[in-house]
Each structure stands twice: as structure tokens, then as C-alpha cells.
Amino acid sequence: MSDGAGTDGGRTVIGVDIGGTGIKGAPVDTSTGSLVRERIRLLTPHPATPAAVAGVVAELVGQLDCPGPLGVTLPAVVQHGVARTAANIDDAWVDSDAAALLSDATGRPVAVVNDADAAGVAEMRFGAGVGQDGVVVMVTFGTGIGSAVFADGRLVPNTELGHLPLHGGDAEDWAAASIREEEELSWKKWAHRVERYLQLVERLLWPDLIIVGGGVSKHADRFLPHVETRARVVPAEMHNDAGIAGAALFAPAG
């Protein structure tokens, strides 16, 4: 199985997960995916401009006091370190060299990857997707909806399935975890929206396995029993640490 992340036999490097509300980071043992120490979480600045976010990342990395390169996630399509979109962060990120910006801010080599792709790679290597061939889709429910798609263990990057059209707009505007909180939906009512979304994904990709991630994966027993799909659906095992662990796997050598 090849997920597209580096395979260096294991080292300790910092993974940083940039989200719409928080920026989380910790040193990660890349041979196991486990966090070496408790993660640090700082608030995402608003507006979340590149300069402002880079400053918070630099502050977080300084607090972690761990040398070496960084792997960083971004809620965006990322091609060769350049952000091509921006979801729940400032539009100034679009077409910016995110890797160079964060490297300048931290003084370290940096690799940048889509946030859901990083979480998916971690789950495939250490969590719910271990040993699973065929088509696997990981969907992260949080401020928005992220996705990671794997074909026989190989990542298909930047799928952005949270922006599929559903209920008159982007799927994430109707079915994200943040919408459940904003509209004060019960877990059962929100599960109906999750089901509609996952069934749409199924009609497009016919996955063998769907992994549900994000912070809500810790509460899977409250909504997944109400979700019916053709594919097997399981909660992510690494919960909200998957992004940090996955980011670390992409960190450059050195």
C-alpha cells in the first residue's frame, strides 16, 4: 500500500494542522503516528491572512521546542506547496506559495498538504484504513467537509468533495459539523444530512469503505447508527489528531 507520504522508517517531527477555528500542533513519532507530547492549540486569527496565520504557526512551533522540518496542513487545494483555493481561511491564500511563506516564518523546511489528505493518509497508515484495498473515502466533518480518496492505498490528492452540489449549494454548507451546531440540530437529524451526503459520494465513487473523521468521530455512536449506505462506514480511529499525524508524514527530510 502506498499513500503518497514519505517512508523514512520513523522519526520525530512536528505536524501542524491549520483549521478555520484553531491551529494545532505536536511532535509526532512517524513510525507509529502517535503524538510524542500533548498537542498545543492556538486560535486561528481572523482574518486568517497568510501573514497572520504564519505568525501563529511560528508561535506554536516555538512553544513545541522540537527541532527539524515541519509538515503543515491547509484547508485548501495544495499543488507543489502552492495553495490554489481557500476554505475557511482568507482568500489571500489563493495562489500563494504557502510552503515558502511558512518556511520563512519558522526558519525551517516546510511541506504543505491539504488537511483532509493528511488526515486520510494517517488513517490509512495507522488507523481505520490499515490493510484496506479497493476504493476508500475519508470524509472529515468540521468547520467544513474535507475528503481524501484512496485507490488501492494510493492517495488521489485534492478531491475537495465537500464542495459537491447538495441541497442547493455546497454540501458542506448543509452537512458540516459546524452547521449541526449553528442550527442546533439533534444528532439524529444531522445524521440524515450526513446520510444524504455520503450517498451522493457513493453514487460518484462506489467506495468499499468510508471513514468518517473530524472531531465528531469521537461521537460516532450518536449519529452513525442512523446512517444507511451501501459501503461500510466506520469512524476514524485517530480522531482529531489525524491531521497532525498526517502532516508530520509529509515533512521534508532534513
C-alpha atoms as a PDB file:
ATOM      1  CA  MET A   1       0.000   0.000   0.000  1.00  0.00           C
ATOM      2  CA  SER A   2       1.355   3.415  -0.947  1.00  0.00           C
ATOM      3  CA  ASP A   3      -0.340   6.550   0.378  1.00  0.00           C
ATOM      4  CA  GLY A   4       1.981   9.158  -1.098  1.00  0.00           C
ATOM      5  CA  ALA A   5       3.616  10.284   2.151  1.00  0.00           C
ATOM      6  CA  GLY A   6       7.281   9.792   2.907  1.00  0.00           C
ATOM      7  CA  THR A   7       8.505   6.492   4.313  1.00  0.00           C
ATOM      8  CA  ASP A   8      11.638   7.242   6.276  1.00  0.00           C
ATOM      9  CA  GLY A   9      11.429   4.436   8.812  1.00  0.00           C
ATOM     10  CA  GLY A  10      10.325   6.683  11.647  1.00  0.00           C
ATOM     11  CA  ARG A  11      11.493   9.946  13.180  1.00  0.00           C
ATOM     12  CA  THR A  12      10.074  12.645  15.399  1.00  0.00           C
ATOM     13  CA  VAL A  13       8.889  15.726  13.548  1.00  0.00           C
ATOM     14  CA  ILE A  14       6.306  18.416  14.136  1.00  0.00           C
ATOM     15  CA  GLY A  15       2.943  18.209  12.429  1.00  0.00           C
ATOM     16  CA  VAL A  16       0.769  21.328  12.308  1.00  0.00           C
ATOM     17  CA  ASP A  17      -2.925  21.269  11.391  1.00  0.00           C
ATOM     18  CA  ILE A  18      -4.370  24.640  10.315  1.00  0.00           C
ATOM     19  CA  GLY A  19      -8.142  24.845  10.615  1.00  0.00           C
ATOM     20  CA  GLY A  20     -10.777  27.507  10.343  1.00  0.00           C
ATOM     21  CA  THR A  21     -11.044  27.963  14.121  1.00  0.00           C
ATOM     22  CA  GLY A  22      -7.830  26.519  15.562  1.00  0.00           C
ATOM     23  CA  ILE A  23      -4.219  25.737  14.689  1.00  0.00           C
ATOM     24  CA  LYS A  24      -2.980  22.551  16.369  1.00  0.00           C
ATOM     25  CA  GLY A  25       0.463  21.019  16.501  1.00  0.00           C
ATOM     26  CA  ALA A  26       2.638  18.431  18.201  1.00  0.00           C
ATOM     27  CA  PRO A  27       5.796  16.381  17.656  1.00  0.00           C
ATOM     28  CA  VAL A  28       4.868  13.059  16.048  1.00  0.00           C
ATOM     29  CA  ASP A  29       6.593   9.683  16.002  1.00  0.00           C
ATOM     30  CA  THR A  30       6.220   8.933  12.300  1.00  0.00           C
ATOM     31  CA  SER A  31       6.728   5.197  12.804  1.00  0.00           C
ATOM     32  CA  THR A  32       3.552   4.923  14.897  1.00  0.00           C
ATOM     33  CA  GLY A  33       1.598   8.127  14.227  1.00  0.00           C
ATOM     34  CA  SER A  34       1.456   8.847  17.954  1.00  0.00           C
ATOM     35  CA  LEU A  35       1.916  12.320  19.384  1.00  0.00           C
ATOM     36  CA  VAL A  36       5.118  12.483  21.413  1.00  0.00           C
ATOM     37  CA  ARG A  37       3.672  15.157  23.707  1.00  0.00           C
ATOM     38  CA  GLU A  38       0.306  16.796  24.260  1.00  0.00           C
ATOM     39  CA  ARG A  39      -0.712  18.944  21.342  1.00  0.00           C
ATOM     40  CA  ILE A  40      -0.863  22.724  21.538  1.00  0.00           C
ATOM     41  CA  ARG A  41      -3.852  24.556  20.101  1.00  0.00           C
ATOM     42  CA  LEU A  42      -3.908  28.263  19.305  1.00  0.00           C
ATOM     43  CA  LEU A  43      -6.800  30.209  17.822  1.00  0.00           C
ATOM     44  CA  THR A  44      -6.813  30.821  14.091  1.00  0.00           C
ATOM     45  CA  PRO A  45      -6.523  34.591  13.567  1.00  0.00           C
ATOM     46  CA  HIS A  46      -9.346  36.495  11.920  1.00  0.00           C
ATOM     47  CA  PRO A  47      -8.981  37.431   9.211  1.00  0.00           C
ATOM     48  CA  ALA A  48      -6.869  34.326   8.532  1.00  0.00           C
ATOM     49  CA  THR A  49      -4.467  36.024   6.137  1.00  0.00           C
ATOM     50  CA  PRO A  50      -1.242  34.274   5.155  1.00  0.00           C
ATOM     51  CA  ALA A  51       0.913  36.607   7.256  1.00  0.00           C
ATOM     52  CA  ALA A  52      -1.324  36.321  10.321  1.00  0.00           C
ATOM     53  CA  VAL A  53      -1.560  32.531  10.150  1.00  0.00           C
ATOM     54  CA  ALA A  54       2.190  32.195   9.546  1.00  0.00           C
ATOM     55  CA  GLY A  55       2.785  34.228  12.695  1.00  0.00           C
ATOM     56  CA  VAL A  56       0.614  31.899  14.774  1.00  0.00           C
ATOM     57  CA  VAL A  57       2.311  28.822  13.287  1.00  0.00           C
ATOM     58  CA  ALA A  58       5.705  30.287  14.198  1.00  0.00           C
ATOM     59  CA  GLU A  59       4.482  30.936  17.750  1.00  0.00           C
ATOM     60  CA  LEU A  60       3.135  27.401  18.079  1.00  0.00           C
ATOM     61  CA  VAL A  61       6.315  25.807  16.743  1.00  0.00           C
ATOM     62  CA  GLY A  62       8.375  27.892  19.176  1.00  0.00           C
ATOM     63  CA  GLN A  63       6.306  26.588  22.084  1.00  0.00           C
ATOM     64  CA  LEU A  64       6.788  22.980  20.989  1.00  0.00           C
ATOM     65  CA  ASP A  65      10.579  23.280  21.218  1.00  0.00           C
ATOM     66  CA  CYS A  66      11.319  20.440  18.802  1.00  0.00           C
ATOM     67  CA  PRO A  67      13.965  20.907  16.078  1.00  0.00           C
ATOM     68  CA  GLY A  68      13.707  19.933  12.454  1.00  0.00           C
ATOM     69  CA  PRO A  69      11.368  20.305   9.487  1.00  0.00           C
ATOM     70  CA  LEU A  70       7.601  20.711   9.581  1.00  0.00           C
ATOM     71  CA  GLY A  71       4.614  19.182   7.881  1.00  0.00           C
ATOM     72  CA  VAL A  72       1.665  21.567   7.749  1.00  0.00           C
ATOM     73  CA  THR A  73      -1.927  21.092   6.603  1.00  0.00           C
ATOM     74  CA  LEU A  74      -4.014  23.783   4.978  1.00  0.00           C
ATOM     75  CA  PRO A  75      -7.757  23.788   4.224  1.00  0.00           C
ATOM     76  CA  ALA A  76      -7.044  24.304   0.543  1.00  0.00           C
ATOM     77  CA  VAL A  77      -6.112  22.557  -2.662  1.00  0.00           C
ATOM     78  CA  VAL A  78      -2.307  22.416  -2.489  1.00  0.00           C
ATOM     79  CA  GLN A  79      -0.118  21.766  -5.523  1.00  0.00           C
ATOM     80  CA  HIS A  80       3.649  21.616  -5.005  1.00  0.00           C
ATOM     81  CA  GLY A  81       3.385  23.814  -1.915  1.00  0.00           C
ATOM     82  CA  VAL A  82       1.157  26.428  -3.583  1.00  0.00           C
ATOM     83  CA  ALA A  83      -2.397  26.980  -2.299  1.00  0.00           C
ATOM     84  CA  ARG A  84      -4.884  27.061  -5.155  1.00  0.00           C
ATOM     85  CA  THR A  85      -8.079  27.571  -3.133  1.00  0.00           C
ATOM     86  CA  ALA A  86      -9.005  28.773   0.347  1.00  0.00           C
ATOM     87  CA  ALA A  87     -11.738  27.273   2.539  1.00  0.00           C
ATOM     88  CA  ASN A  88     -12.475  28.906   5.904  1.00  0.00           C
ATOM     89  CA  ILE A  89      -9.283  30.974   5.608  1.00  0.00           C
ATOM     90  CA  ASP A  90      -8.658  34.290   3.870  1.00  0.00           C
ATOM     91  CA  ASP A  91      -8.848  34.402   0.070  1.00  0.00           C
ATOM     92  CA  ALA A  92      -5.356  35.953   0.033  1.00  0.00           C
ATOM     93  CA  TRP A  93      -4.037  32.381   0.322  1.00  0.00           C
ATOM     94  CA  VAL A  94      -5.117  31.631  -3.249  1.00  0.00           C
ATOM     95  CA  ASP A  95      -2.047  31.138  -5.478  1.00  0.00           C
ATOM     96  CA  SER A  96       0.322  31.915  -2.597  1.00  0.00           C
ATOM     97  CA  ASP A  97       3.456  29.815  -2.063  1.00  0.00           C
ATOM     98  CA  ALA A  98       2.313  28.503   1.302  1.00  0.00           C
ATOM     99  CA  ALA A  99       5.371  26.304   1.826  1.00  0.00           C
ATOM    100  CA  ALA A 100       7.799  29.181   1.237  1.00  0.00           C
ATOM    101  CA  LEU A 101       5.770  31.560   3.414  1.00  0.00           C
ATOM    102  CA  LEU A 102       5.682  29.165   6.371  1.00  0.00           C
ATOM    103  CA  SER A 103       9.323  28.239   5.906  1.00  0.00           C
ATOM    104  CA  ASP A 104      10.310  31.915   6.065  1.00  0.00           C
ATOM    105  CA  ALA A 105       8.148  32.450   9.158  1.00  0.00           C
ATOM    106  CA  THR A 106       9.522  29.461  11.071  1.00  0.00           C
ATOM    107  CA  GLY A 107      13.060  29.259   9.692  1.00  0.00           C
ATOM    108  CA  ARG A 108      12.575  25.572   8.877  1.00  0.00           C
ATOM    109  CA  PRO A 109      11.957  23.383   5.824  1.00  0.00           C
ATOM    110  CA  VAL A 110       8.183  23.016   5.391  1.00  0.00           C
ATOM    111  CA  ALA A 111       5.899  20.796   3.319  1.00  0.00           C
ATOM    112  CA  VAL A 112       2.250  21.806   2.972  1.00  0.00           C
ATOM    113  CA  VAL A 113      -0.592  19.395   2.205  1.00  0.00           C
ATOM    114  CA  ASN A 114      -4.382  19.523   2.026  1.00  0.00           C
ATOM    115  CA  ASP A 115      -5.805  18.977   5.505  1.00  0.00           C
ATOM    116  CA  ALA A 116      -8.156  16.125   4.680  1.00  0.00           C
ATOM    117  CA  ASP A 117      -5.492  14.388   2.592  1.00  0.00           C
ATOM    118  CA  ALA A 118      -3.160  14.455   5.593  1.00  0.00           C
ATOM    119  CA  ALA A 119      -5.822  13.036   7.902  1.00  0.00           C
ATOM    120  CA  GLY A 120      -6.654  10.342   5.364  1.00  0.00           C
ATOM    121  CA  VAL A 121      -3.033   9.289   4.973  1.00  0.00           C
ATOM    122  CA  ALA A 122      -2.729   8.951   8.760  1.00  0.00           C
ATOM    123  CA  GLU A 123      -5.869   6.820   8.960  1.00  0.00           C
ATOM    124  CA  MET A 124      -4.725   4.612   6.103  1.00  0.00           C
ATOM    125  CA  ARG A 125      -1.312   4.051   7.659  1.00  0.00           C
ATOM    126  CA  PHE A 126      -2.186   3.846  11.359  1.00  0.00           C
ATOM    127  CA  GLY A 127      -5.969   3.832  11.810  1.00  0.00           C
ATOM    128  CA  ALA A 128      -9.248   2.634  10.359  1.00  0.00           C
ATOM    129  CA  GLY A 129      -7.909   2.130   6.831  1.00  0.00           C
ATOM    130  CA  VAL A 130      -4.979  -0.163   7.621  1.00  0.00           C
ATOM    131  CA  GLY A 131      -4.864  -3.073   5.151  1.00  0.00           C
ATOM    132  CA  GLN A 132      -7.889  -1.861   3.174  1.00  0.00           C
ATOM    133  CA  ASP A 133      -7.593  -2.137  -0.605  1.00  0.00           C
ATOM    134  CA  GLY A 134     -10.051  -1.010  -3.248  1.00  0.00           C
ATOM    135  CA  VAL A 135     -11.541   2.478  -3.019  1.00  0.00           C
ATOM    136  CA  VAL A 136     -11.531   4.187   0.370  1.00  0.00           C
ATOM    137  CA  VAL A 137     -13.029   7.610   1.001  1.00  0.00           C
ATOM    138  CA  MET A 138     -12.305   9.510   4.181  1.00  0.00           C
ATOM    139  CA  VAL A 139     -14.635  12.392   4.933  1.00  0.00           C
ATOM    140  CA  THR A 140     -13.843  14.884   7.688  1.00  0.00           C
ATOM    141  CA  PHE A 141     -16.726  16.807   9.236  1.00  0.00           C
ATOM    142  CA  GLY A 142     -15.727  20.037  10.945  1.00  0.00           C
ATOM    143  CA  THR A 143     -15.984  23.722  10.041  1.00  0.00           C
ATOM    144  CA  GLY A 144     -16.472  22.405   6.501  1.00  0.00           C
ATOM    145  CA  ILE A 145     -16.272  18.973   4.892  1.00  0.00           C
ATOM    146  CA  GLY A 146     -12.936  17.623   3.711  1.00  0.00           C
ATOM    147  CA  SER A 147     -12.238  14.463   1.764  1.00  0.00           C
ATOM    148  CA  ALA A 148      -9.419  12.100   0.924  1.00  0.00           C
ATOM    149  CA  VAL A 149      -9.742   9.378  -1.705  1.00  0.00           C
ATOM    150  CA  PHE A 150      -7.541   6.296  -1.979  1.00  0.00           C
ATOM    151  CA  ALA A 151      -7.384   3.706  -4.767  1.00  0.00           C
ATOM    152  CA  ASP A 152      -5.634   0.528  -3.590  1.00  0.00           C
ATOM    153  CA  GLY A 153      -3.872   2.561  -0.931  1.00  0.00           C
ATOM    154  CA  ARG A 154      -2.687   5.376  -3.184  1.00  0.00           C
ATOM    155  CA  LEU A 155      -3.886   8.892  -2.457  1.00  0.00           C
ATOM    156  CA  VAL A 156      -5.733  10.830  -5.146  1.00  0.00           C
ATOM    157  CA  PRO A 157      -4.936  14.335  -3.856  1.00  0.00           C
ATOM    158  CA  ASN A 158      -7.132  17.416  -3.536  1.00  0.00           C
ATOM    159  CA  THR A 159     -10.519  15.819  -4.204  1.00  0.00           C
ATOM    160  CA  GLU A 160     -12.485  18.508  -2.308  1.00  0.00           C
ATOM    161  CA  LEU A 161     -15.726  16.507  -2.192  1.00  0.00           C
ATOM    162  CA  GLY A 162     -17.146  18.853   0.428  1.00  0.00           C
ATOM    163  CA  HIS A 163     -17.979  21.219  -2.418  1.00  0.00           C
ATOM    164  CA  LEU A 164     -20.200  18.764  -4.282  1.00  0.00           C
ATOM    165  CA  PRO A 165     -23.610  20.318  -5.020  1.00  0.00           C
ATOM    166  CA  LEU A 166     -26.225  19.247  -2.494  1.00  0.00           C
ATOM    167  CA  HIS A 167     -29.415  20.851  -1.201  1.00  0.00           C
ATOM    168  CA  GLY A 168     -28.995  23.899  -3.411  1.00  0.00           C
ATOM    169  CA  GLY A 169     -25.364  24.699  -2.653  1.00  0.00           C
ATOM    170  CA  ASP A 170     -22.060  23.253  -1.466  1.00  0.00           C
ATOM    171  CA  ALA A 171     -22.562  20.086   0.545  1.00  0.00           C
ATOM    172  CA  GLU A 172     -20.536  21.479   3.443  1.00  0.00           C
ATOM    173  CA  ASP A 173     -22.913  24.415   3.781  1.00  0.00           C
ATOM    174  CA  TRP A 174     -25.680  21.946   4.635  1.00  0.00           C
ATOM    175  CA  ALA A 175     -23.981  18.975   6.259  1.00  0.00           C
ATOM    176  CA  ALA A 176     -20.786  20.125   8.010  1.00  0.00           C
ATOM    177  CA  ALA A 177     -20.465  19.566  11.749  1.00  0.00           C
ATOM    178  CA  SER A 178     -20.447  23.335  12.261  1.00  0.00           C
ATOM    179  CA  ILE A 179     -23.909  23.513  10.657  1.00  0.00           C
ATOM    180  CA  ARG A 180     -25.234  20.983  13.178  1.00  0.00           C
ATOM    181  CA  GLU A 181     -24.115  23.315  15.953  1.00  0.00           C
ATOM    182  CA  GLU A 182     -25.287  26.519  14.272  1.00  0.00           C
ATOM    183  CA  GLU A 183     -28.761  25.155  13.530  1.00  0.00           C
ATOM    184  CA  GLU A 184     -28.916  23.246  16.844  1.00  0.00           C
ATOM    185  CA  LEU A 185     -29.765  20.009  15.064  1.00  0.00           C
ATOM    186  CA  SER A 186     -30.114  16.800  17.030  1.00  0.00           C
ATOM    187  CA  TRP A 187     -27.573  14.112  16.230  1.00  0.00           C
ATOM    188  CA  LYS A 188     -30.334  12.095  14.539  1.00  0.00           C
ATOM    189  CA  LYS A 189     -31.470  14.995  12.333  1.00  0.00           C
ATOM    190  CA  TRP A 190     -27.885  15.782  11.393  1.00  0.00           C
ATOM    191  CA  ALA A 191     -27.334  12.087  10.623  1.00  0.00           C
ATOM    192  CA  HIS A 192     -29.975  12.403   7.888  1.00  0.00           C
ATOM    193  CA  ARG A 193     -27.874  15.109   6.238  1.00  0.00           C
ATOM    194  CA  VAL A 194     -24.716  13.040   6.608  1.00  0.00           C
ATOM    195  CA  GLU A 195     -26.517  10.097   5.019  1.00  0.00           C
ATOM    196  CA  ARG A 196     -27.663  12.165   2.030  1.00  0.00           C
ATOM    197  CA  TYR A 197     -24.138  13.439   1.530  1.00  0.00           C
ATOM    198  CA  LEU A 198     -22.462  10.032   1.806  1.00  0.00           C
ATOM    199  CA  GLN A 199     -24.983   8.536  -0.596  1.00  0.00           C
ATOM    200  CA  LEU A 200     -24.047  11.240  -3.110  1.00  0.00           C
ATOM    201  CA  VAL A 201     -20.372  10.364  -2.691  1.00  0.00           C
ATOM    202  CA  GLU A 202     -21.246   6.701  -3.182  1.00  0.00           C
ATOM    203  CA  ARG A 203     -23.013   7.358  -6.470  1.00  0.00           C
ATOM    204  CA  LEU A 204     -19.855   9.024  -7.771  1.00  0.00           C
ATOM    205  CA  LEU A 205     -17.083   6.749  -6.486  1.00  0.00           C
ATOM    206  CA  TRP A 206     -18.590   3.447  -5.285  1.00  0.00           C
ATOM    207  CA  PRO A 207     -16.190   3.135  -2.348  1.00  0.00           C
ATOM    208  CA  ASP A 208     -15.558  -0.093  -0.497  1.00  0.00           C
ATOM    209  CA  LEU A 209     -15.067   1.760   2.779  1.00  0.00           C
ATOM    210  CA  ILE A 210     -15.975   5.213   4.083  1.00  0.00           C
ATOM    211  CA  ILE A 211     -14.082   6.580   7.082  1.00  0.00           C
ATOM    212  CA  VAL A 212     -15.773   9.415   8.971  1.00  0.00           C
ATOM    213  CA  GLY A 213     -13.276  11.748  10.615  1.00  0.00           C
ATOM    214  CA  GLY A 214     -13.029  15.106  12.298  1.00  0.00           C
ATOM    215  CA  GLY A 215     -13.898  15.880  15.890  1.00  0.00           C
ATOM    216  CA  VAL A 216     -17.353  14.278  15.507  1.00  0.00           C
ATOM    217  CA  SER A 217     -15.725  10.875  15.065  1.00  0.00           C
ATOM    218  CA  LYS A 218     -15.497  10.750  18.863  1.00  0.00           C
ATOM    219  CA  HIS A 219     -19.306  10.800  18.929  1.00  0.00           C
ATOM    220  CA  ALA A 220     -19.855   8.299  16.112  1.00  0.00           C
ATOM    221  CA  ASP A 221     -22.200   6.197  18.236  1.00  0.00           C
ATOM    222  CA  ARG A 222     -24.622   9.139  18.350  1.00  0.00           C
ATOM    223  CA  PHE A 223     -25.123   9.517  14.601  1.00  0.00           C
ATOM    224  CA  LEU A 224     -23.600   6.685  12.527  1.00  0.00           C
ATOM    225  CA  PRO A 225     -26.270   4.143  13.628  1.00  0.00           C
ATOM    226  CA  HIS A 226     -28.781   6.411  11.843  1.00  0.00           C
ATOM    227  CA  VAL A 227     -26.779   6.482   8.584  1.00  0.00           C
ATOM    228  CA  GLU A 228     -27.514   3.889   5.877  1.00  0.00           C
ATOM    229  CA  THR A 229     -25.118   3.412   2.974  1.00  0.00           C
ATOM    230  CA  ARG A 230     -24.096   0.637   0.641  1.00  0.00           C
ATOM    231  CA  ALA A 231     -20.461   0.853   1.692  1.00  0.00           C
ATOM    232  CA  ARG A 232     -19.228   0.024   5.154  1.00  0.00           C
ATOM    233  CA  VAL A 233     -18.885   3.207   7.210  1.00  0.00           C
ATOM    234  CA  VAL A 234     -16.553   3.369  10.210  1.00  0.00           C
ATOM    235  CA  PRO A 235     -15.371   6.193  12.473  1.00  0.00           C
ATOM    236  CA  ALA A 236     -11.795   7.389  12.223  1.00  0.00           C
ATOM    237  CA  GLU A 237      -9.602   5.876  14.916  1.00  0.00           C
ATOM    238  CA  MET A 238      -7.193   8.797  15.271  1.00  0.00           C
ATOM    239  CA  HIS A 239      -9.978  11.336  15.770  1.00  0.00           C
ATOM    240  CA  ASN A 240      -8.811  14.950  15.741  1.00  0.00           C
ATOM    241  CA  ASP A 241      -5.100  14.015  15.856  1.00  0.00           C
ATOM    242  CA  ALA A 242      -5.159  12.532  12.351  1.00  0.00           C
ATOM    243  CA  GLY A 243      -4.345  15.856  10.677  1.00  0.00           C
ATOM    244  CA  ILE A 244      -1.324  16.462  12.890  1.00  0.00           C
ATOM    245  CA  ALA A 245      -0.008  12.933  12.401  1.00  0.00           C
ATOM    246  CA  GLY A 246      -0.612  13.012   8.667  1.00  0.00           C
ATOM    247  CA  ALA A 247       1.093  16.397   8.311  1.00  0.00           C
ATOM    248  CA  ALA A 248       4.194  15.016  10.002  1.00  0.00           C
ATOM    249  CA  LEU A 249       4.365  12.176   7.471  1.00  0.00           C
ATOM    250  CA  PHE A 250       4.763  14.732   4.683  1.00  0.00           C
ATOM    251  CA  ALA A 251       7.510  16.738   6.412  1.00  0.00           C
ATOM    252  CA  PRO A 252      10.606  17.097   4.210  1.00  0.00           C
ATOM    253  CA  ALA A 253      13.843  15.347   5.104  1.00  0.00           C
ATOM    254  CA  GLY A 254      16.498  17.311   6.942  1.00  0.00           C
END
